[in-house]
Amino acid sequence: ANQLFDRFMQLVTQYHGTERGMAFYADRMNLTPKYLSRVVKEASGRSGPEWIDAYVVLEAKNLLRYSSESIKEIVYKLNFPNSSVFNKFFRLHTGMSPSEYRRQGVR
């Protein structure tokens, strides 16, 4: 289980910017999404989508804080369909909008 979890995390590290569905990761590992989800939860105590979201939030925070890219460019880079979806996602996970986060320079 730990080896599968480690492989999942390697894939999330590599693809979180473009792939957010468990089906993608399960397919890469030749597993069913249901089985992979169970293994990840058992090995880490967190669900697969929670791990994926955590990586996306971390990447978004880094881009907002350390790059000069516009929020629109970040939306595109992280493969969100539009700014509104990205704003909702970011606010849900951080409690503030991307522009508020950038202005505050919070970690």
N, C-alpha and C. Protein backbone atom coordinates (compact mmCIF):
# COMPACT_ATOMS: atom_id res chain seq x y z
N ALA A 1 0.83 -1.20 0.00
CA ALA A 1 0.00 0.00 0.00
C ALA A 1 0.87 1.26 0.00
N ASN A 2 1.94 1.24 0.80
CA ASN A 2 2.81 2.42 0.85
C ASN A 2 3.52 2.68 -0.48
N GLN A 3 3.88 1.61 -1.18
CA GLN A 3 4.52 1.77 -2.49
C GLN A 3 3.54 2.37 -3.49
N LEU A 4 2.29 1.91 -3.44
CA LEU A 4 1.27 2.47 -4.33
C LEU A 4 1.02 3.95 -3.99
N PHE A 5 0.97 4.25 -2.71
CA PHE A 5 0.77 5.63 -2.29
C PHE A 5 1.94 6.50 -2.77
N ASP A 6 3.16 6.02 -2.60
CA ASP A 6 4.33 6.77 -3.06
C ASP A 6 4.28 7.02 -4.56
N ARG A 7 3.87 6.01 -5.31
CA ARG A 7 3.76 6.16 -6.77
C ARG A 7 2.68 7.18 -7.11
N PHE A 8 1.55 7.11 -6.40
CA PHE A 8 0.47 8.07 -6.61
C PHE A 8 0.98 9.49 -6.37
N MET A 9 1.72 9.69 -5.28
CA MET A 9 2.23 11.02 -4.95
C MET A 9 3.24 11.51 -6.00
N GLN A 10 4.04 10.60 -6.54
CA GLN A 10 4.96 10.98 -7.62
C GLN A 10 4.18 11.50 -8.82
N LEU A 11 3.11 10.78 -9.16
CA LEU A 11 2.28 11.19 -10.30
C LEU A 11 1.57 12.51 -10.03
N VAL A 12 1.07 12.68 -8.80
CA VAL A 12 0.40 13.94 -8.45
C VAL A 12 1.39 15.09 -8.56
N THR A 13 2.60 14.89 -8.07
CA THR A 13 3.64 15.92 -8.16
C THR A 13 3.88 16.30 -9.62
N GLN A 14 3.85 15.31 -10.48
CA GLN A 14 4.14 15.53 -11.90
C GLN A 14 2.96 16.14 -12.67
N TYR A 15 1.73 15.70 -12.36
CA TYR A 15 0.59 16.04 -13.21
C TYR A 15 -0.49 16.91 -12.57
N HIS A 16 -0.32 17.34 -11.33
CA HIS A 16 -1.41 18.07 -10.65
C HIS A 16 -1.84 19.33 -11.38
N GLY A 17 -0.94 19.89 -12.16
CA GLY A 17 -1.29 21.10 -12.90
C GLY A 17 -2.27 20.88 -14.02
N THR A 18 -2.36 19.65 -14.49
CA THR A 18 -3.27 19.38 -15.61
C THR A 18 -4.31 18.30 -15.32
N GLU A 19 -4.02 17.41 -14.40
CA GLU A 19 -4.93 16.28 -14.16
C GLU A 19 -5.40 16.27 -12.71
N ARG A 20 -6.74 16.33 -12.52
CA ARG A 20 -7.27 16.35 -11.16
C ARG A 20 -8.17 15.17 -10.83
N GLY A 21 -8.37 14.27 -11.78
CA GLY A 21 -9.27 13.14 -11.54
C GLY A 21 -8.54 11.88 -11.14
N MET A 22 -9.14 11.15 -10.21
CA MET A 22 -8.53 9.89 -9.77
C MET A 22 -8.42 8.89 -10.92
N ALA A 23 -9.33 8.96 -11.87
CA ALA A 23 -9.30 8.01 -12.99
C ALA A 23 -7.98 8.12 -13.76
N PHE A 24 -7.48 9.33 -13.96
CA PHE A 24 -6.22 9.52 -14.66
C PHE A 24 -5.08 8.81 -13.94
N TYR A 25 -4.99 9.03 -12.62
CA TYR A 25 -3.89 8.44 -11.84
C TYR A 25 -4.03 6.92 -11.75
N ALA A 26 -5.25 6.46 -11.56
CA ALA A 26 -5.49 5.02 -11.50
C ALA A 26 -5.09 4.37 -12.83
N ASP A 27 -5.45 5.01 -13.93
CA ASP A 27 -5.10 4.48 -15.25
C ASP A 27 -3.59 4.41 -15.43
N ARG A 28 -2.89 5.43 -14.98
CA ARG A 28 -1.42 5.44 -15.07
C ARG A 28 -0.80 4.31 -14.26
N MET A 29 -1.50 3.89 -13.20
CA MET A 29 -0.97 2.86 -12.31
C MET A 29 -1.58 1.49 -12.57
N ASN A 30 -2.40 1.41 -13.62
CA ASN A 30 -3.10 0.16 -13.96
C ASN A 30 -3.95 -0.37 -12.81
N LEU A 31 -4.66 0.54 -12.16
CA LEU A 31 -5.56 0.19 -11.06
C LEU A 31 -6.93 0.78 -11.35
N THR A 32 -7.94 0.33 -10.60
CA THR A 32 -9.24 0.98 -10.72
C THR A 32 -9.23 2.22 -9.82
N PRO A 33 -9.98 3.26 -10.19
CA PRO A 33 -10.04 4.45 -9.34
C PRO A 33 -10.50 4.15 -7.92
N LYS A 34 -11.45 3.24 -7.80
CA LYS A 34 -11.98 2.88 -6.47
C LYS A 34 -10.88 2.25 -5.60
N TYR A 35 -10.13 1.34 -6.18
CA TYR A 35 -9.06 0.66 -5.43
C TYR A 35 -7.96 1.67 -5.05
N LEU A 36 -7.56 2.51 -6.01
CA LEU A 36 -6.53 3.50 -5.72
C LEU A 36 -7.00 4.45 -4.61
N SER A 37 -8.24 4.87 -4.69
CA SER A 37 -8.78 5.77 -3.65
C SER A 37 -8.70 5.13 -2.28
N ARG A 38 -9.05 3.85 -2.20
CA ARG A 38 -9.01 3.15 -0.91
C ARG A 38 -7.59 3.04 -0.39
N VAL A 39 -6.65 2.69 -1.26
CA VAL A 39 -5.25 2.55 -0.86
C VAL A 39 -4.69 3.89 -0.36
N VAL A 40 -4.97 4.97 -1.08
CA VAL A 40 -4.47 6.30 -0.69
C VAL A 40 -5.03 6.68 0.68
N LYS A 41 -6.31 6.48 0.86
CA LYS A 41 -6.96 6.83 2.14
C LYS A 41 -6.38 6.00 3.28
N GLU A 42 -6.18 4.70 3.06
CA GLU A 42 -5.63 3.83 4.10
C GLU A 42 -4.18 4.20 4.42
N ALA A 43 -3.41 4.54 3.41
CA ALA A 43 -1.98 4.82 3.61
C ALA A 43 -1.74 6.20 4.23
N SER A 44 -2.63 7.15 3.96
CA SER A 44 -2.33 8.53 4.36
C SER A 44 -3.38 9.18 5.26
N GLY A 45 -4.57 8.62 5.29
CA GLY A 45 -5.64 9.25 6.07
C GLY A 45 -6.34 10.38 5.32
N ARG A 46 -5.87 10.68 4.12
CA ARG A 46 -6.50 11.70 3.28
C ARG A 46 -6.92 11.05 1.96
N SER A 47 -7.94 11.61 1.35
CA SER A 47 -8.39 11.07 0.06
C SER A 47 -7.47 11.54 -1.06
N GLY A 48 -7.53 10.84 -2.16
CA GLY A 48 -6.75 11.22 -3.34
C GLY A 48 -7.06 12.64 -3.79
N PRO A 49 -8.35 12.98 -3.96
CA PRO A 49 -8.66 14.36 -4.38
C PRO A 49 -8.16 15.41 -3.38
N GLU A 50 -8.12 15.09 -2.09
CA GLU A 50 -7.57 16.04 -1.12
C GLU A 50 -6.09 16.29 -1.39
N TRP A 51 -5.35 15.22 -1.70
CA TRP A 51 -3.93 15.37 -2.02
C TRP A 51 -3.75 16.19 -3.29
N ILE A 52 -4.53 15.88 -4.31
CA ILE A 52 -4.42 16.60 -5.58
C ILE A 52 -4.71 18.08 -5.36
N ASP A 53 -5.82 18.37 -4.66
CA ASP A 53 -6.18 19.77 -4.39
C ASP A 53 -5.08 20.48 -3.60
N ALA A 54 -4.49 19.78 -2.63
CA ALA A 54 -3.43 20.39 -1.82
C ALA A 54 -2.24 20.80 -2.70
N TYR A 55 -1.89 19.96 -3.65
CA TYR A 55 -0.79 20.30 -4.56
C TYR A 55 -1.15 21.47 -5.46
N VAL A 56 -2.39 21.49 -5.94
CA VAL A 56 -2.83 22.59 -6.81
C VAL A 56 -2.82 23.91 -6.02
N VAL A 57 -3.31 23.88 -4.78
CA VAL A 57 -3.33 25.09 -3.95
C VAL A 57 -1.89 25.57 -3.69
N LEU A 58 -1.01 24.65 -3.37
CA LEU A 58 0.39 25.01 -3.13
C LEU A 58 1.02 25.65 -4.36
N GLU A 59 0.77 25.05 -5.51
CA GLU A 59 1.29 25.60 -6.77
C GLU A 59 0.71 26.99 -7.04
N ALA A 60 -0.59 27.13 -6.82
CA ALA A 60 -1.25 28.43 -7.03
C ALA A 60 -0.65 29.48 -6.10
N LYS A 61 -0.47 29.13 -4.83
CA LYS A 61 0.12 30.07 -3.87
C LYS A 61 1.52 30.49 -4.31
N ASN A 62 2.32 29.52 -4.73
CA ASN A 62 3.68 29.83 -5.18
C ASN A 62 3.68 30.76 -6.39
N LEU A 63 2.78 30.48 -7.35
CA LEU A 63 2.71 31.31 -8.54
C LEU A 63 2.23 32.72 -8.20
N LEU A 64 1.24 32.81 -7.31
CA LEU A 64 0.72 34.12 -6.91
C LEU A 64 1.77 34.93 -6.15
N ARG A 65 2.53 34.26 -5.33
CA ARG A 65 3.50 34.96 -4.49
C ARG A 65 4.81 35.26 -5.20
N TYR A 66 5.31 34.33 -6.00
CA TYR A 66 6.67 34.45 -6.51
C TYR A 66 6.78 34.69 -8.02
N SER A 67 5.66 34.71 -8.73
CA SER A 67 5.76 34.98 -10.17
C SER A 67 5.06 36.29 -10.48
N SER A 68 5.39 36.84 -11.62
CA SER A 68 4.72 38.07 -12.05
C SER A 68 3.59 37.76 -13.03
N GLU A 69 3.28 36.47 -13.20
CA GLU A 69 2.21 36.09 -14.12
C GLU A 69 0.88 36.63 -13.61
N SER A 70 0.03 37.01 -14.54
CA SER A 70 -1.30 37.49 -14.16
C SER A 70 -2.12 36.32 -13.64
N ILE A 71 -3.18 36.64 -12.95
CA ILE A 71 -4.07 35.58 -12.45
C ILE A 71 -4.64 34.80 -13.62
N LYS A 72 -4.95 35.49 -14.72
CA LYS A 72 -5.44 34.79 -15.91
C LYS A 72 -4.42 33.78 -16.43
N GLU A 73 -3.17 34.16 -16.42
CA GLU A 73 -2.11 33.23 -16.86
C GLU A 73 -2.00 32.03 -15.92
N ILE A 74 -2.16 32.29 -14.63
CA ILE A 74 -2.11 31.20 -13.64
C ILE A 74 -3.30 30.26 -13.82
N VAL A 75 -4.47 30.84 -14.08
CA VAL A 75 -5.68 30.04 -14.35
C VAL A 75 -5.41 29.09 -15.51
N TYR A 76 -4.82 29.62 -16.57
CA TYR A 76 -4.51 28.82 -17.75
C TYR A 76 -3.45 27.77 -17.43
N LYS A 77 -2.41 28.19 -16.74
CA LYS A 77 -1.29 27.29 -16.41
C LYS A 77 -1.75 26.10 -15.56
N LEU A 78 -2.69 26.36 -14.64
CA LEU A 78 -3.17 25.29 -13.76
C LEU A 78 -4.39 24.56 -14.32
N ASN A 79 -4.72 24.86 -15.56
CA ASN A 79 -5.74 24.13 -16.29
C ASN A 79 -7.15 24.27 -15.70
N PHE A 80 -7.48 25.47 -15.23
CA PHE A 80 -8.85 25.73 -14.80
C PHE A 80 -9.61 26.25 -16.02
N PRO A 81 -10.92 25.95 -16.10
CA PRO A 81 -11.68 26.39 -17.28
C PRO A 81 -11.80 27.91 -17.40
N ASN A 82 -11.83 28.62 -16.26
CA ASN A 82 -11.91 30.08 -16.29
C ASN A 82 -11.55 30.63 -14.91
N SER A 83 -11.44 31.96 -14.84
CA SER A 83 -11.04 32.63 -13.60
C SER A 83 -12.04 32.41 -12.47
N SER A 84 -13.31 32.36 -12.82
CA SER A 84 -14.34 32.19 -11.80
C SER A 84 -14.19 30.85 -11.07
N VAL A 85 -13.96 29.80 -11.81
CA VAL A 85 -13.78 28.47 -11.20
C VAL A 85 -12.52 28.47 -10.33
N PHE A 86 -11.46 29.07 -10.83
CA PHE A 86 -10.22 29.15 -10.06
C PHE A 86 -10.44 29.95 -8.77
N ASN A 87 -11.12 31.10 -8.88
CA ASN A 87 -11.38 31.91 -7.70
C ASN A 87 -12.16 31.14 -6.64
N LYS A 88 -13.20 30.42 -7.06
CA LYS A 88 -14.00 29.63 -6.11
C LYS A 88 -13.15 28.54 -5.46
N PHE A 89 -12.36 27.84 -6.27
CA PHE A 89 -11.48 26.78 -5.77
C PHE A 89 -10.50 27.35 -4.75
N PHE A 90 -9.84 28.45 -5.12
CA PHE A 90 -8.81 29.03 -4.25
C PHE A 90 -9.43 29.54 -2.95
N ARG A 91 -10.57 30.21 -3.04
CA ARG A 91 -11.23 30.73 -1.84
C ARG A 91 -11.67 29.59 -0.92
N LEU A 92 -12.18 28.52 -1.50
CA LEU A 92 -12.62 27.36 -0.71
C LEU A 92 -11.46 26.81 0.12
N HIS A 93 -10.28 26.77 -0.48
CA HIS A 93 -9.13 26.14 0.18
C HIS A 93 -8.29 27.10 1.04
N THR A 94 -8.42 28.40 0.81
CA THR A 94 -7.56 29.34 1.54
C THR A 94 -8.34 30.38 2.34
N GLY A 95 -9.60 30.55 2.01
CA GLY A 95 -10.40 31.57 2.69
C GLY A 95 -10.24 32.97 2.13
N MET A 96 -9.49 33.08 1.04
CA MET A 96 -9.35 34.39 0.41
C MET A 96 -9.24 34.23 -1.11
N SER A 97 -9.48 35.32 -1.81
CA SER A 97 -9.39 35.27 -3.27
C SER A 97 -7.91 35.28 -3.68
N PRO A 98 -7.62 34.85 -4.90
CA PRO A 98 -6.23 34.90 -5.37
C PRO A 98 -5.65 36.31 -5.31
N SER A 99 -6.44 37.31 -5.68
CA SER A 99 -5.90 38.68 -5.66
C SER A 99 -5.66 39.16 -4.23
N GLU A 100 -6.53 38.78 -3.29
CA GLU A 100 -6.29 39.12 -1.88
C GLU A 100 -5.00 38.46 -1.39
N TYR A 101 -4.82 37.19 -1.75
CA TYR A 101 -3.62 36.46 -1.34
C TYR A 101 -2.37 37.14 -1.89
N ARG A 102 -2.42 37.51 -3.15
CA ARG A 102 -1.26 38.15 -3.78
C ARG A 102 -0.96 39.51 -3.11
N ARG A 103 -2.01 40.28 -2.86
CA ARG A 103 -1.82 41.61 -2.24
C ARG A 103 -1.23 41.50 -0.84
N GLN A 104 -1.69 40.52 -0.07
CA GLN A 104 -1.23 40.36 1.30
C GLN A 104 0.17 39.75 1.38
N GLY A 105 0.56 39.02 0.35
CA GLY A 105 1.86 38.37 0.37
C GLY A 105 1.98 37.36 1.49
N VAL A 106 0.86 36.69 1.77
CA VAL A 106 0.80 35.70 2.85
C VAL A 106 1.33 34.38 2.37
N ARG A 107 1.92 33.62 3.29
CA ARG A 107 2.37 32.28 2.91
C ARG A 107 1.26 31.30 3.01
